């Protein structure tokens, strides 16, 4: 089987498209893991990404006279970005800080979150239009859908912000077993509700 002949054919454009999906998805995940301090995973993904990229770009450059190959290269990049971000959302690795500002349901939201095992801090505040209750929690990103559903059940008008903390020390952050299957099941369940 001659790879050069395959890459010269229209099937080569499809192969380049698929290789770009793999390499850009790996690159997206690599950046996310690097930002979160997971150097080993980031390095492994970087190796795979670079290896696939070299193979894809070498074959794309050989066939710049073919519009199919050029479209395959560019289309693979765009699709790879979409796939990479989707994978990151499915895996939902890491934690998130959730801040809930409500006029009426702070205690109910905090109690419901505690019953589910989340650590919660409550404190009073003063908003533009008067007194508010502020509920603050740090949760696994994979549990955000559950937390937001609890908030919506108790107060649809609550103001909610979600951020990614840079440093964590102490406190209560319920750990969830990290498995792709477990995250995928929670992601699918969340998609079915939407």
C-alpha atoms as a PDB file:
ATOM      1  CA  UNK A   1       0.000   0.000   0.000  1.00  0.00           C
ATOM      2  CA  UNK A   2       1.568   3.280  -1.140  1.00  0.00           C
ATOM      3  CA  UNK A   3       0.725   6.131   1.263  1.00  0.00           C
ATOM      4  CA  UNK A   4       1.843   8.762  -1.244  1.00  0.00           C
ATOM      5  CA  UNK A   5      -0.710   7.487  -3.761  1.00  0.00           C
ATOM      6  CA  UNK A   6      -3.445   7.485  -1.119  1.00  0.00           C
ATOM      7  CA  UNK A   7      -2.627  11.060  -0.018  1.00  0.00           C
ATOM      8  CA  UNK A   8      -2.544  12.209  -3.663  1.00  0.00           C
ATOM      9  CA  UNK A   9      -6.092  10.909  -4.192  1.00  0.00           C
ATOM     10  CA  UNK A  10      -9.300  12.567  -2.945  1.00  0.00           C
ATOM     11  CA  UNK A  11      -9.123  10.126  -0.004  1.00  0.00           C
ATOM     12  CA  UNK A  12      -5.957  11.964   1.002  1.00  0.00           C
ATOM     13  CA  UNK A  13      -7.981  15.127   1.566  1.00  0.00           C
ATOM     14  CA  UNK A  14     -10.255  13.164   3.902  1.00  0.00           C
ATOM     15  CA  UNK A  15      -7.245  11.711   5.734  1.00  0.00           C
ATOM     16  CA  UNK A  16      -5.762  15.185   6.183  1.00  0.00           C
ATOM     17  CA  UNK A  17      -9.145  16.385   7.476  1.00  0.00           C
ATOM     18  CA  UNK A  18      -9.220  13.535  10.040  1.00  0.00           C
ATOM     19  CA  UNK A  19      -5.585  14.042  11.063  1.00  0.00           C
ATOM     20  CA  UNK A  20      -6.250  17.737  11.684  1.00  0.00           C
ATOM     21  CA  UNK A  21      -9.231  16.871  13.887  1.00  0.00           C
ATOM     22  CA  UNK A  22      -6.969  14.662  16.001  1.00  0.00           C
ATOM     23  CA  UNK A  23      -4.096  17.134  16.188  1.00  0.00           C
ATOM     24  CA  UNK A  24      -6.192  20.226  16.971  1.00  0.00           C
ATOM     25  CA  UNK A  25      -8.284  18.326  19.543  1.00  0.00           C
ATOM     26  CA  UNK A  26      -5.070  17.177  21.245  1.00  0.00           C
ATOM     27  CA  UNK A  27      -3.739  20.732  21.143  1.00  0.00           C
ATOM     28  CA  UNK A  28      -6.902  22.154  22.717  1.00  0.00           C
ATOM     29  CA  UNK A  29      -6.814  19.560  25.493  1.00  0.00           C
ATOM     30  CA  UNK A  30      -3.049  20.095  25.943  1.00  0.00           C
ATOM     31  CA  UNK A  31      -3.544  23.806  26.596  1.00  0.00           C
ATOM     32  CA  UNK A  32      -6.351  23.126  29.072  1.00  0.00           C
ATOM     33  CA  UNK A  33      -4.317  20.551  31.011  1.00  0.00           C
ATOM     34  CA  UNK A  34      -1.233  22.816  30.957  1.00  0.00           C
ATOM     35  CA  UNK A  35      -3.241  25.707  32.418  1.00  0.00           C
ATOM     36  CA  UNK A  36      -4.469  23.393  35.170  1.00  0.00           C
ATOM     37  CA  UNK A  37      -0.913  22.325  36.006  1.00  0.00           C
ATOM     38  CA  UNK A  38      -1.102  18.759  34.655  1.00  0.00           C
ATOM     39  CA  UNK A  39       2.326  18.807  33.006  1.00  0.00           C
ATOM     40  CA  UNK A  40       2.587  15.071  32.313  1.00  0.00           C
ATOM     41  CA  UNK A  41      -0.750  14.850  30.522  1.00  0.00           C
ATOM     42  CA  UNK A  42      -0.031  18.108  28.676  1.00  0.00           C
ATOM     43  CA  UNK A  43       3.365  16.812  27.526  1.00  0.00           C
ATOM     44  CA  UNK A  44       1.900  13.515  26.298  1.00  0.00           C
ATOM     45  CA  UNK A  45      -0.855  15.325  24.377  1.00  0.00           C
ATOM     46  CA  UNK A  46       1.757  17.732  22.950  1.00  0.00           C
ATOM     47  CA  UNK A  47       3.816  14.821  21.656  1.00  0.00           C
ATOM     48  CA  UNK A  48       0.800  13.209  19.961  1.00  0.00           C
ATOM     49  CA  UNK A  49      -0.356  16.551  18.579  1.00  0.00           C
ATOM     50  CA  UNK A  50       3.046  17.406  17.098  1.00  0.00           C
ATOM     51  CA  UNK A  51       3.473  13.951  15.571  1.00  0.00           C
ATOM     52  CA  UNK A  52       0.069  14.014  13.888  1.00  0.00           C
ATOM     53  CA  UNK A  53       0.476  17.663  12.824  1.00  0.00           C
ATOM     54  CA  UNK A  54       3.792  17.003  11.072  1.00  0.00           C
ATOM     55  CA  UNK A  55       2.233  14.132   9.121  1.00  0.00           C
ATOM     56  CA  UNK A  56      -0.874  16.186   8.216  1.00  0.00           C
ATOM     57  CA  UNK A  57       0.933  19.367   7.208  1.00  0.00           C
ATOM     58  CA  UNK A  58       3.611  17.523   5.211  1.00  0.00           C
ATOM     59  CA  UNK A  59       0.952  15.843   3.097  1.00  0.00           C
ATOM     60  CA  UNK A  60      -1.169  18.977   2.785  1.00  0.00           C
ATOM     61  CA  UNK A  61       1.802  21.015   1.534  1.00  0.00           C
ATOM     62  CA  UNK A  62       2.595  18.361  -1.094  1.00  0.00           C
ATOM     63  CA  UNK A  63      -0.862  18.876  -2.567  1.00  0.00           C
ATOM     64  CA  UNK A  64      -1.438  22.634  -2.375  1.00  0.00           C
ATOM     65  CA  UNK A  65      -2.637  22.521  -5.993  1.00  0.00           C
ATOM     66  CA  UNK A  66      -5.689  20.500  -4.855  1.00  0.00           C
ATOM     67  CA  UNK A  67      -8.551  22.547  -3.437  1.00  0.00           C
ATOM     68  CA  UNK A  68      -9.870  19.390  -1.735  1.00  0.00           C
ATOM     69  CA  UNK A  69      -6.625  19.000   0.222  1.00  0.00           C
ATOM     70  CA  UNK A  70      -6.617  22.667   1.236  1.00  0.00           C
ATOM     71  CA  UNK A  71     -10.266  22.485   2.332  1.00  0.00           C
ATOM     72  CA  UNK A  72      -9.543  19.225   4.154  1.00  0.00           C
ATOM     73  CA  UNK A  73      -6.708  20.916   6.057  1.00  0.00           C
ATOM     74  CA  UNK A  74      -8.716  24.028   6.995  1.00  0.00           C
ATOM     75  CA  UNK A  75     -11.924  22.100   7.671  1.00  0.00           C
ATOM     76  CA  UNK A  76     -10.058  19.674   9.918  1.00  0.00           C
ATOM     77  CA  UNK A  77      -8.677  22.598  11.908  1.00  0.00           C
ATOM     78  CA  UNK A  78     -12.152  24.084  12.442  1.00  0.00           C
ATOM     79  CA  UNK A  79     -13.727  20.722  13.270  1.00  0.00           C
ATOM     80  CA  UNK A  80     -10.813  19.833  15.562  1.00  0.00           C
ATOM     81  CA  UNK A  81     -11.365  23.034  17.541  1.00  0.00           C
ATOM     82  CA  UNK A  82     -15.053  22.167  17.951  1.00  0.00           C
ATOM     83  CA  UNK A  83     -14.261  18.569  18.937  1.00  0.00           C
ATOM     84  CA  UNK A  84     -11.527  19.626  21.383  1.00  0.00           C
ATOM     85  CA  UNK A  85     -13.763  22.101  23.207  1.00  0.00           C
ATOM     86  CA  UNK A  86     -16.615  19.546  23.258  1.00  0.00           C
ATOM     87  CA  UNK A  87     -14.293  16.914  24.744  1.00  0.00           C
ATOM     88  CA  UNK A  88     -13.168  19.358  27.422  1.00  0.00           C
ATOM     89  CA  UNK A  89     -16.777  20.078  28.341  1.00  0.00           C
ATOM     90  CA  UNK A  90     -17.598  16.354  28.482  1.00  0.00           C
ATOM     91  CA  UNK A  91     -14.639  15.579  30.713  1.00  0.00           C
ATOM     92  CA  UNK A  92     -15.302  18.667  32.873  1.00  0.00           C
ATOM     93  CA  UNK A  93     -11.993  18.251  34.689  1.00  0.00           C
ATOM     94  CA  UNK A  94     -11.309  20.560  37.637  1.00  0.00           C
ATOM     95  CA  UNK A  95     -13.320  22.670  40.044  1.00  0.00           C
ATOM     96  CA  UNK A  96     -15.457  25.785  39.816  1.00  0.00           C
ATOM     97  CA  UNK A  97     -16.374  28.512  42.269  1.00  0.00           C
ATOM     98  CA  UNK A  98     -20.115  29.171  42.260  1.00  0.00           C
ATOM     99  CA  UNK A  99     -21.476  32.408  43.716  1.00  0.00           C
ATOM    100  CA  UNK A 100     -25.226  32.762  44.073  1.00  0.00           C
ATOM    101  CA  UNK A 101     -26.893  36.065  44.968  1.00  0.00           C
ATOM    102  CA  UNK A 102     -30.561  35.797  45.882  1.00  0.00           C
ATOM    103  CA  UNK A 103     -33.094  38.031  47.568  1.00  0.00           C
ATOM    104  CA  UNK A 104     -35.187  35.278  49.096  1.00  0.00           C
ATOM    105  CA  UNK A 105     -33.835  31.736  48.894  1.00  0.00           C
ATOM    106  CA  UNK A 106     -30.284  31.792  50.251  1.00  0.00           C
ATOM    107  CA  UNK A 107     -30.961  29.435  53.183  1.00  0.00           C
ATOM    108  CA  UNK A 108     -33.000  27.019  51.043  1.00  0.00           C
ATOM    109  CA  UNK A 109     -30.314  26.890  48.332  1.00  0.00           C
ATOM    110  CA  UNK A 110     -27.550  26.419  50.909  1.00  0.00           C
ATOM    111  CA  UNK A 111     -29.477  23.626  52.672  1.00  0.00           C
ATOM    112  CA  UNK A 112     -30.215  21.829  49.394  1.00  0.00           C
ATOM    113  CA  UNK A 113     -26.544  22.036  48.371  1.00  0.00           C
ATOM    114  CA  UNK A 114     -25.409  20.737  51.764  1.00  0.00           C
ATOM    115  CA  UNK A 115     -27.845  17.813  51.533  1.00  0.00           C
ATOM    116  CA  UNK A 116     -26.144  16.887  48.246  1.00  0.00           C
ATOM    117  CA  UNK A 117     -22.743  16.967  49.992  1.00  0.00           C
ATOM    118  CA  UNK A 118     -21.414  20.301  48.737  1.00  0.00           C
ATOM    119  CA  UNK A 119     -19.511  22.667  51.031  1.00  0.00           C
ATOM    120  CA  UNK A 120     -21.359  25.982  51.300  1.00  0.00           C
ATOM    121  CA  UNK A 121     -20.674  29.384  52.841  1.00  0.00           C
ATOM    122  CA  UNK A 122     -23.555  31.821  53.370  1.00  0.00           C
ATOM    123  CA  UNK A 123     -23.327  35.497  54.140  1.00  0.00           C
ATOM    124  CA  UNK A 124     -25.569  38.569  53.963  1.00  0.00           C
ATOM    125  CA  UNK A 125     -25.001  41.305  51.415  1.00  0.00           C
ATOM    126  CA  UNK A 126     -26.390  44.598  50.231  1.00  0.00           C
ATOM    127  CA  UNK A 127     -27.360  44.840  46.574  1.00  0.00           C
ATOM    128  CA  UNK A 128     -28.552  47.735  44.471  1.00  0.00           C
ATOM    129  CA  UNK A 129     -32.147  47.268  45.594  1.00  0.00           C
ATOM    130  CA  UNK A 130     -31.618  46.157  49.181  1.00  0.00           C
ATOM    131  CA  UNK A 131     -30.604  43.140  51.223  1.00  0.00           C
ATOM    132  CA  UNK A 132     -29.495  39.933  49.512  1.00  0.00           C
ATOM    133  CA  UNK A 133     -28.206  36.544  50.589  1.00  0.00           C
ATOM    134  CA  UNK A 134     -24.971  35.262  49.085  1.00  0.00           C
ATOM    135  CA  UNK A 135     -24.219  31.554  48.817  1.00  0.00           C
ATOM    136  CA  UNK A 136     -20.699  30.517  47.877  1.00  0.00           C
ATOM    137  CA  UNK A 137     -19.478  27.008  46.998  1.00  0.00           C
ATOM    138  CA  UNK A 138     -16.575  25.298  45.234  1.00  0.00           C
ATOM    139  CA  UNK A 139     -17.651  22.187  43.317  1.00  0.00           C
ATOM    140  CA  UNK A 140     -16.323  19.764  40.740  1.00  0.00           C
ATOM    141  CA  UNK A 141     -16.986  21.127  37.243  1.00  0.00           C
ATOM    142  CA  UNK A 142     -18.799  17.911  36.392  1.00  0.00           C
ATOM    143  CA  UNK A 143     -21.345  18.774  39.095  1.00  0.00           C
ATOM    144  CA  UNK A 144     -22.182  22.272  37.841  1.00  0.00           C
ATOM    145  CA  UNK A 145     -25.365  21.140  36.126  1.00  0.00           C
ATOM    146  CA  UNK A 146     -26.606  19.617  39.394  1.00  0.00           C
ATOM    147  CA  UNK A 147     -25.770  22.790  41.343  1.00  0.00           C
ATOM    148  CA  UNK A 148     -27.431  25.077  38.786  1.00  0.00           C
ATOM    149  CA  UNK A 149     -30.543  22.873  38.746  1.00  0.00           C
ATOM    150  CA  UNK A 150     -30.795  23.201  42.534  1.00  0.00           C
ATOM    151  CA  UNK A 151     -30.494  26.998  42.287  1.00  0.00           C
ATOM    152  CA  UNK A 152     -33.113  27.214  39.519  1.00  0.00           C
ATOM    153  CA  UNK A 153     -35.502  25.057  41.526  1.00  0.00           C
ATOM    154  CA  UNK A 154     -35.254  27.365  44.557  1.00  0.00           C
ATOM    155  CA  UNK A 155     -34.956  30.775  42.835  1.00  0.00           C
ATOM    156  CA  UNK A 156     -35.113  31.242  39.069  1.00  0.00           C
ATOM    157  CA  UNK A 157     -34.184  34.923  39.488  1.00  0.00           C
ATOM    158  CA  UNK A 158     -30.961  34.266  41.416  1.00  0.00           C
ATOM    159  CA  UNK A 159     -27.805  35.880  40.025  1.00  0.00           C
ATOM    160  CA  UNK A 160     -25.173  33.171  39.540  1.00  0.00           C
ATOM    161  CA  UNK A 161     -21.508  33.481  38.583  1.00  0.00           C
ATOM    162  CA  UNK A 162     -19.125  30.604  37.941  1.00  0.00           C
ATOM    163  CA  UNK A 163     -15.357  31.031  37.955  1.00  0.00           C
ATOM    164  CA  UNK A 164     -12.300  28.816  37.947  1.00  0.00           C
ATOM    165  CA  UNK A 165     -10.202  29.209  41.111  1.00  0.00           C
ATOM    166  CA  UNK A 166      -6.437  29.428  40.678  1.00  0.00           C
ATOM    167  CA  UNK A 167      -5.437  28.249  44.179  1.00  0.00           C
ATOM    168  CA  UNK A 168      -7.290  25.931  46.572  1.00  0.00           C
ATOM    169  CA  UNK A 169      -6.419  25.107  50.159  1.00  0.00           C
ATOM    170  CA  UNK A 170      -8.586  23.453  52.809  1.00  0.00           C
ATOM    171  CA  UNK A 171     -12.365  23.508  52.857  1.00  0.00           C
ATOM    172  CA  UNK A 172     -14.838  20.962  51.574  1.00  0.00           C
ATOM    173  CA  UNK A 173     -14.769  20.000  47.930  1.00  0.00           C
ATOM    174  CA  UNK A 174     -16.570  16.724  47.346  1.00  0.00           C
ATOM    175  CA  UNK A 175     -14.381  14.538  45.192  1.00  0.00           C
ATOM    176  CA  UNK A 176     -15.964  12.594  42.410  1.00  0.00           C
ATOM    177  CA  UNK A 177     -14.249   9.600  40.891  1.00  0.00           C
ATOM    178  CA  UNK A 178     -12.780  10.841  37.627  1.00  0.00           C
ATOM    179  CA  UNK A 179     -13.638   8.467  34.844  1.00  0.00           C
ATOM    180  CA  UNK A 180     -14.453   9.319  31.282  1.00  0.00           C
ATOM    181  CA  UNK A 181     -17.466   6.992  31.480  1.00  0.00           C
ATOM    182  CA  UNK A 182     -18.757   8.676  34.635  1.00  0.00           C
ATOM    183  CA  UNK A 183     -18.270  12.173  33.214  1.00  0.00           C
ATOM    184  CA  UNK A 184     -19.774  11.107  29.896  1.00  0.00           C
ATOM    185  CA  UNK A 185     -22.860   9.699  31.658  1.00  0.00           C
ATOM    186  CA  UNK A 186     -23.348  12.934  33.635  1.00  0.00           C
ATOM    187  CA  UNK A 187     -22.817  15.001  30.459  1.00  0.00           C
ATOM    188  CA  UNK A 188     -25.379  12.935  28.528  1.00  0.00           C
ATOM    189  CA  UNK A 189     -27.846  13.211  31.412  1.00  0.00           C
ATOM    190  CA  UNK A 190     -27.416  16.999  31.412  1.00  0.00           C
ATOM    191  CA  UNK A 191     -27.911  17.140  27.630  1.00  0.00           C
ATOM    192  CA  UNK A 192     -31.167  15.179  27.906  1.00  0.00           C
ATOM    193  CA  UNK A 193     -32.574  17.696  30.392  1.00  0.00           C
ATOM    194  CA  UNK A 194     -31.728  20.681  28.174  1.00  0.00           C
END
